[in-house]
N, C-alpha and C. Protein backbone atom coordinates (compact mmCIF):
# COMPACT_ATOMS: atom_id res chain seq x y z
N MET A 1 0.76 -0.93 -0.16
CA MET A 1 0.39 -0.33 0.19
C MET A 1 0.82 1.08 -0.45
N ASN A 2 1.66 1.11 0.70
CA ASN A 2 2.59 2.49 0.36
C ASN A 2 3.29 2.77 -0.53
N ALA A 3 3.72 1.82 -1.60
CA ALA A 3 3.52 2.29 -3.13
C ALA A 3 2.76 2.86 -4.04
N ASN A 4 1.23 1.84 -3.27
CA ASN A 4 0.30 2.76 -3.89
C ASN A 4 -0.21 4.28 -3.49
N GLU A 5 -0.04 4.24 -2.10
CA GLU A 5 -0.56 5.79 -1.69
C GLU A 5 0.65 6.75 -2.43
N LYS A 6 1.82 6.44 -2.21
CA LYS A 6 3.03 7.44 -3.52
C LYS A 6 2.95 7.72 -4.71
N THR A 7 2.55 6.39 -5.20
CA THR A 7 1.33 6.49 -6.53
C THR A 7 0.46 8.02 -6.46
N LEU A 8 -0.49 7.49 -5.70
CA LEU A 8 -1.63 7.96 -5.05
C LEU A 8 -1.39 9.43 -4.96
N ASN A 9 -0.39 9.90 -4.18
CA ASN A 9 0.17 11.32 -4.02
C ASN A 9 0.38 12.12 -5.44
N THR A 10 1.68 11.35 -5.97
CA THR A 10 2.02 11.72 -7.24
C THR A 10 1.05 12.07 -8.06
N PHE A 11 -0.14 11.33 -8.34
CA PHE A 11 -1.07 11.76 -9.19
C PHE A 11 -1.69 12.77 -8.99
N THR A 12 -2.10 12.88 -7.55
CA THR A 12 -2.84 14.39 -7.07
C THR A 12 -2.29 15.64 -6.94
N THR A 13 -0.65 15.39 -7.22
CA THR A 13 -0.05 16.27 -6.87
C THR A 13 -0.04 17.19 -8.65
N ARG A 14 0.31 15.76 -9.37
CA ARG A 14 0.31 16.38 -11.09
C ARG A 14 -0.76 16.75 -11.25
N VAL A 15 -2.02 16.34 -10.89
CA VAL A 15 -3.32 16.92 -10.98
C VAL A 15 -3.63 18.60 -10.85
N ARG A 16 -3.10 18.36 -9.32
CA ARG A 16 -3.70 19.63 -9.19
C ARG A 16 -2.28 21.09 -9.58
N GLN A 17 -0.82 20.53 -10.24
CA GLN A 17 -0.28 21.19 -10.70
C GLN A 17 -0.86 21.15 -12.31
N MET A 18 -1.65 20.51 -12.72
CA MET A 18 -2.50 20.78 -13.88
C MET A 18 -3.36 21.85 -13.69
N ILE A 19 -4.47 21.47 -12.73
CA ILE A 19 -5.58 22.69 -12.99
C ILE A 19 -4.88 23.97 -12.79
N LEU A 20 -3.84 24.29 -12.01
CA LEU A 20 -2.73 25.67 -11.77
C LEU A 20 -2.10 25.89 -12.86
N GLN A 21 -2.15 25.16 -13.79
CA GLN A 21 -1.64 25.22 -14.83
C GLN A 21 -2.44 26.00 -16.03
N TYR A 22 -3.75 24.82 -15.80
CA TYR A 22 -5.00 25.62 -16.47
C TYR A 22 -5.50 26.57 -16.66
N GLN A 23 -5.84 27.23 -15.02
CA GLN A 23 -6.39 28.39 -14.51
C GLN A 23 -5.23 29.33 -14.89
N GLU A 24 -3.73 29.24 -14.74
CA GLU A 24 -2.54 30.06 -15.80
C GLU A 24 -3.23 30.29 -17.18
N VAL A 25 -3.63 29.18 -18.00
CA VAL A 25 -3.49 29.56 -18.60
C VAL A 25 -4.80 30.10 -19.18
N LYS A 26 -6.28 30.03 -18.92
CA LYS A 26 -7.00 30.03 -18.87
C LYS A 26 -7.29 32.13 -18.33
N LYS A 27 -6.01 32.58 -17.71
CA LYS A 27 -6.46 33.82 -16.86
C LYS A 27 -5.46 34.53 -18.31
N GLU A 28 -4.54 34.04 -18.64
CA GLU A 28 -3.46 34.49 -20.12
C GLU A 28 -4.17 34.70 -21.18
N ASN A 29 -5.49 33.89 -21.11
CA ASN A 29 -6.01 33.77 -22.54
C ASN A 29 -7.31 34.68 -22.29
N THR A 30 -7.76 35.07 -21.03
CA THR A 30 -8.62 35.94 -20.84
C THR A 30 -8.15 37.18 -21.22
N GLN A 31 -6.82 37.65 -20.84
CA GLN A 31 -6.59 39.14 -20.97
C GLN A 31 -5.76 38.89 -22.34
N LEU A 32 -5.93 38.04 -23.34
CA LEU A 32 -5.39 37.69 -24.56
C LEU A 32 -6.43 38.17 -25.57
N GLN A 33 -7.69 37.50 -24.53
CA GLN A 33 -8.71 38.28 -25.62
C GLN A 33 -8.94 39.72 -25.00
N SER A 34 -8.70 40.23 -24.03
CA SER A 34 -9.11 41.36 -24.19
C SER A 34 -8.55 42.09 -24.84
N ILE A 35 -7.18 42.03 -25.00
CA ILE A 35 -6.14 43.07 -25.57
C ILE A 35 -6.38 42.88 -27.37
N ILE A 36 -7.36 42.12 -27.53
CA ILE A 36 -7.19 41.50 -28.69
C ILE A 36 -8.98 42.47 -29.55
N GLU A 37 -10.11 42.49 -28.33
CA GLU A 37 -10.74 43.05 -27.93
C GLU A 37 -10.56 44.51 -28.34
N GLN A 38 -9.58 45.16 -27.67
CA GLN A 38 -9.04 46.40 -27.61
C GLN A 38 -8.43 46.87 -29.06
N ARG A 39 -7.76 45.99 -29.63
CA ARG A 39 -7.18 46.31 -31.15
C ARG A 39 -8.72 46.13 -31.94
N ASP A 40 -9.47 45.61 -31.94
CA ASP A 40 -10.44 45.87 -33.16
C ASP A 40 -10.75 46.65 -32.51
N LYS A 41 -11.92 47.32 -31.53
CA LYS A 41 -12.53 48.65 -31.30
C LYS A 41 -11.11 49.57 -31.84
N GLU A 42 -9.69 49.42 -31.58
CA GLU A 42 -8.80 50.64 -32.12
C GLU A 42 -9.07 51.00 -33.41
N ILE A 43 -8.73 49.06 -34.28
CA ILE A 43 -8.97 49.36 -36.21
C ILE A 43 -10.33 49.66 -36.44
N GLN A 44 -11.00 49.79 -36.10
CA GLN A 44 -12.22 50.31 -36.18
C GLN A 44 -12.61 51.25 -36.29
N GLU A 45 -12.49 52.23 -34.82
CA GLU A 45 -11.82 53.58 -34.83
C GLU A 45 -10.94 54.06 -36.11
N LEU A 46 -9.90 53.48 -35.77
CA LEU A 46 -8.68 54.20 -36.94
C LEU A 46 -9.96 53.83 -38.52
N GLN A 47 -10.45 52.71 -38.76
CA GLN A 47 -10.98 52.32 -40.10
C GLN A 47 -12.07 53.73 -40.35
N ALA A 48 -12.66 53.93 -39.58
CA ALA A 48 -13.54 55.16 -39.03
C ALA A 48 -12.69 56.42 -39.82
N LYS A 49 -12.01 57.22 -39.25
CA LYS A 49 -11.09 58.21 -39.56
C LYS A 49 -10.73 57.65 -40.90
N LEU A 50 -10.16 57.17 -40.51
CA LEU A 50 -9.81 57.00 -42.82
C LEU A 50 -10.81 57.12 -43.59
N SER A 51 -11.94 56.65 -43.35
CA SER A 51 -12.86 56.86 -44.80
C SER A 51 -13.06 58.42 -44.11
N GLN A 52 -13.87 59.13 -43.16
CA GLN A 52 -13.73 60.28 -42.85
C GLN A 52 -12.68 61.32 -43.63
N ALA A 53 -11.35 60.55 -43.27
CA ALA A 53 -10.62 61.61 -44.26
C ALA A 53 -10.66 61.04 -45.61
N GLN A 54 -10.83 60.29 -45.93
CA GLN A 54 -11.32 60.23 -48.03
C GLN A 54 -12.31 60.75 -47.97
N ILE A 55 -13.81 61.17 -47.08
CA ILE A 55 -14.99 61.76 -47.36
C ILE A 55 -14.19 63.11 -47.69
N ASP A 56 -13.85 64.26 -46.82
CA ASP A 56 -13.06 65.24 -46.18
C ASP A 56 -12.36 65.34 -47.33
N TYR A 57 -11.52 64.34 -47.98
CA TYR A 57 -10.05 65.17 -49.01
C TYR A 57 -11.33 64.99 -50.13
N ASN A 58 -11.97 64.14 -50.72
CA ASN A 58 -12.80 64.28 -51.73
C ASN A 58 -13.57 65.19 -51.54
N PHE A 59 -14.03 65.93 -50.52
CA PHE A 59 -14.79 67.30 -50.76
C PHE A 59 -13.77 68.47 -50.98
N LEU A 60 -12.36 68.18 -50.34
CA LEU A 60 -11.42 69.35 -50.48
C LEU A 60 -11.21 69.66 -51.76
N LYS A 61 -10.74 67.98 -52.45
CA LYS A 61 -10.94 68.23 -53.96
C LYS A 61 -11.72 68.77 -54.90
N THR A 62 -12.79 68.55 -54.10
CA THR A 62 -13.97 68.75 -55.46
C THR A 62 -14.26 70.76 -55.00
N ALA A 63 -14.08 71.08 -54.23
CA ALA A 63 -13.97 72.34 -53.68
C ALA A 63 -12.94 73.58 -54.21
N ARG A 64 -11.87 72.64 -54.27
CA ARG A 64 -10.81 72.96 -54.97
C ARG A 64 -10.78 73.66 -56.34
N MET A 65 -11.81 72.21 -57.03
CA MET A 65 -12.13 72.14 -58.06
C MET A 65 -12.72 73.54 -58.77
N ILE A 66 -13.52 73.76 -58.02
CA ILE A 66 -14.79 74.39 -57.97
C ILE A 66 -14.14 75.92 -57.61
N GLU A 67 -13.23 76.17 -56.88
CA GLU A 67 -12.96 77.20 -56.36
C GLU A 67 -12.36 78.32 -57.50
N ILE A 68 -13.55 79.54 -57.23
CA ILE A 68 -13.24 80.68 -58.25
C ILE A 68 -12.09 81.79 -57.89
N THR A 69 -11.54 81.74 -58.72
CA THR A 69 -9.91 83.08 -58.37
C THR A 69 -10.43 84.46 -59.00
N ASP A 70 -9.45 85.28 -58.23
CA ASP A 70 -10.36 86.32 -59.24
C ASP A 70 -10.22 86.78 -59.92
N SER A 71 -8.97 85.85 -61.50
CA SER A 71 -9.51 86.37 -62.48
C SER A 71 -10.41 85.30 -63.40
N ASP A 72 -10.68 84.08 -62.91
CA ASP A 72 -12.18 83.89 -63.16
C ASP A 72 -13.32 84.31 -62.88
N MET A 73 -13.31 85.33 -62.09
CA MET A 73 -14.74 86.07 -61.41
C MET A 73 -14.51 87.78 -61.90
N GLU A 74 -13.37 87.80 -62.56
CA GLU A 74 -13.22 89.30 -63.70
C GLU A 74 -13.79 88.36 -65.06
N ASN A 75 -13.98 87.59 -65.46
CA ASN A 75 -13.65 86.94 -66.95
C ASN A 75 -15.30 86.89 -66.97
N ALA A 76 -15.57 86.21 -65.95
CA ALA A 76 -16.70 86.05 -65.97
C ALA A 76 -18.00 86.65 -65.85
N GLN A 77 -17.32 88.34 -65.36
CA GLN A 77 -18.44 89.19 -65.01
C GLN A 77 -18.00 89.73 -66.55
N LYS A 78 -16.55 89.82 -66.90
CA LYS A 78 -17.03 90.20 -68.86
C LYS A 78 -18.27 90.09 -69.50
N ARG A 79 -17.56 88.14 -69.39
CA ARG A 79 -18.55 87.37 -70.36
C ARG A 79 -20.08 87.77 -69.91
N ILE A 80 -20.42 87.90 -69.01
CA ILE A 80 -21.82 88.42 -68.51
C ILE A 80 -22.37 89.99 -69.38
N ALA A 81 -21.08 91.05 -69.18
CA ALA A 81 -21.57 92.21 -69.78
C ALA A 81 -21.58 91.80 -70.75
N LYS A 82 -20.68 91.30 -71.69
CA LYS A 82 -20.71 90.92 -73.26
C LYS A 82 -22.00 90.44 -73.43
N LEU A 83 -22.67 89.47 -72.63
CA LEU A 83 -23.79 88.71 -73.34
C LEU A 83 -24.83 90.13 -73.57
N ILE A 84 -25.10 90.58 -71.93
CA ILE A 84 -25.75 91.73 -71.98
C ILE A 84 -25.87 92.27 -72.66
N ARG A 85 -24.74 93.21 -73.81
CA ARG A 85 -24.84 93.53 -74.34
C ARG A 85 -25.56 93.33 -75.81
N ASP A 86 -24.70 91.87 -75.76
CA ASP A 86 -25.77 91.50 -77.25
C ASP A 86 -27.17 91.28 -77.15
N VAL A 87 -27.64 91.12 -75.94
CA VAL A 87 -29.21 91.00 -75.79
C VAL A 87 -29.92 92.13 -76.03
N ASN A 88 -28.76 93.06 -75.45
CA ASN A 88 -30.28 95.00 -75.78
C ASN A 88 -29.32 94.95 -76.89
N ARG A 89 -28.58 94.95 -77.71
CA ARG A 89 -28.74 94.97 -79.61
C ARG A 89 -29.47 94.21 -79.73
N CYS A 90 -29.95 93.10 -79.77
CA CYS A 90 -30.97 91.96 -80.25
C CYS A 90 -32.49 92.96 -80.07
N ILE A 91 -32.35 92.74 -78.40
CA ILE A 91 -33.89 93.66 -78.61
C ILE A 91 -34.03 94.98 -79.05
N THR A 92 -33.14 95.80 -79.52
CA THR A 92 -32.58 97.32 -80.50
C THR A 92 -33.11 96.49 -81.48
N ILE A 93 -32.43 95.77 -82.44
CA ILE A 93 -32.61 95.55 -83.53
C ILE A 93 -34.23 94.84 -83.40
N LEU A 94 -34.49 94.01 -82.56
CA LEU A 94 -36.15 93.70 -82.56
C LEU A 94 -37.29 94.68 -82.71
N SER A 95 -36.70 96.21 -81.63
CA SER A 95 -37.77 96.83 -81.48
C SER A 95 -37.72 97.65 -82.74
N GLU A 96 -36.79 97.94 -83.51
CA GLU A 96 -36.85 98.88 -84.75
C GLU A 96 -37.60 98.34 -86.32
N GLU A 97 -37.81 97.56 -86.44
CA GLU A 97 -38.45 96.56 -86.88
C GLU A 97 -39.71 96.86 -86.76
């Protein structure tokens, strides 16, 4: 029986060690899962910021294309003035007939 008791004690000790190792691995797994969740949230936030930055960039690019400079404004005013003069001439010609 002494050999059996020794074997049983060794077995119980090893089972306890395995349980402690299991608990440590389980704790480590929980920590790693929380790190993964944190990283996933960070990735989602960065993806949202990237999407917003791309949208903002497209808006700025469009605004830059639409931006009117002073020379563009002057040219547009000159063209409008010329069109008004042409319309006035047409009205004058039509009124004379």
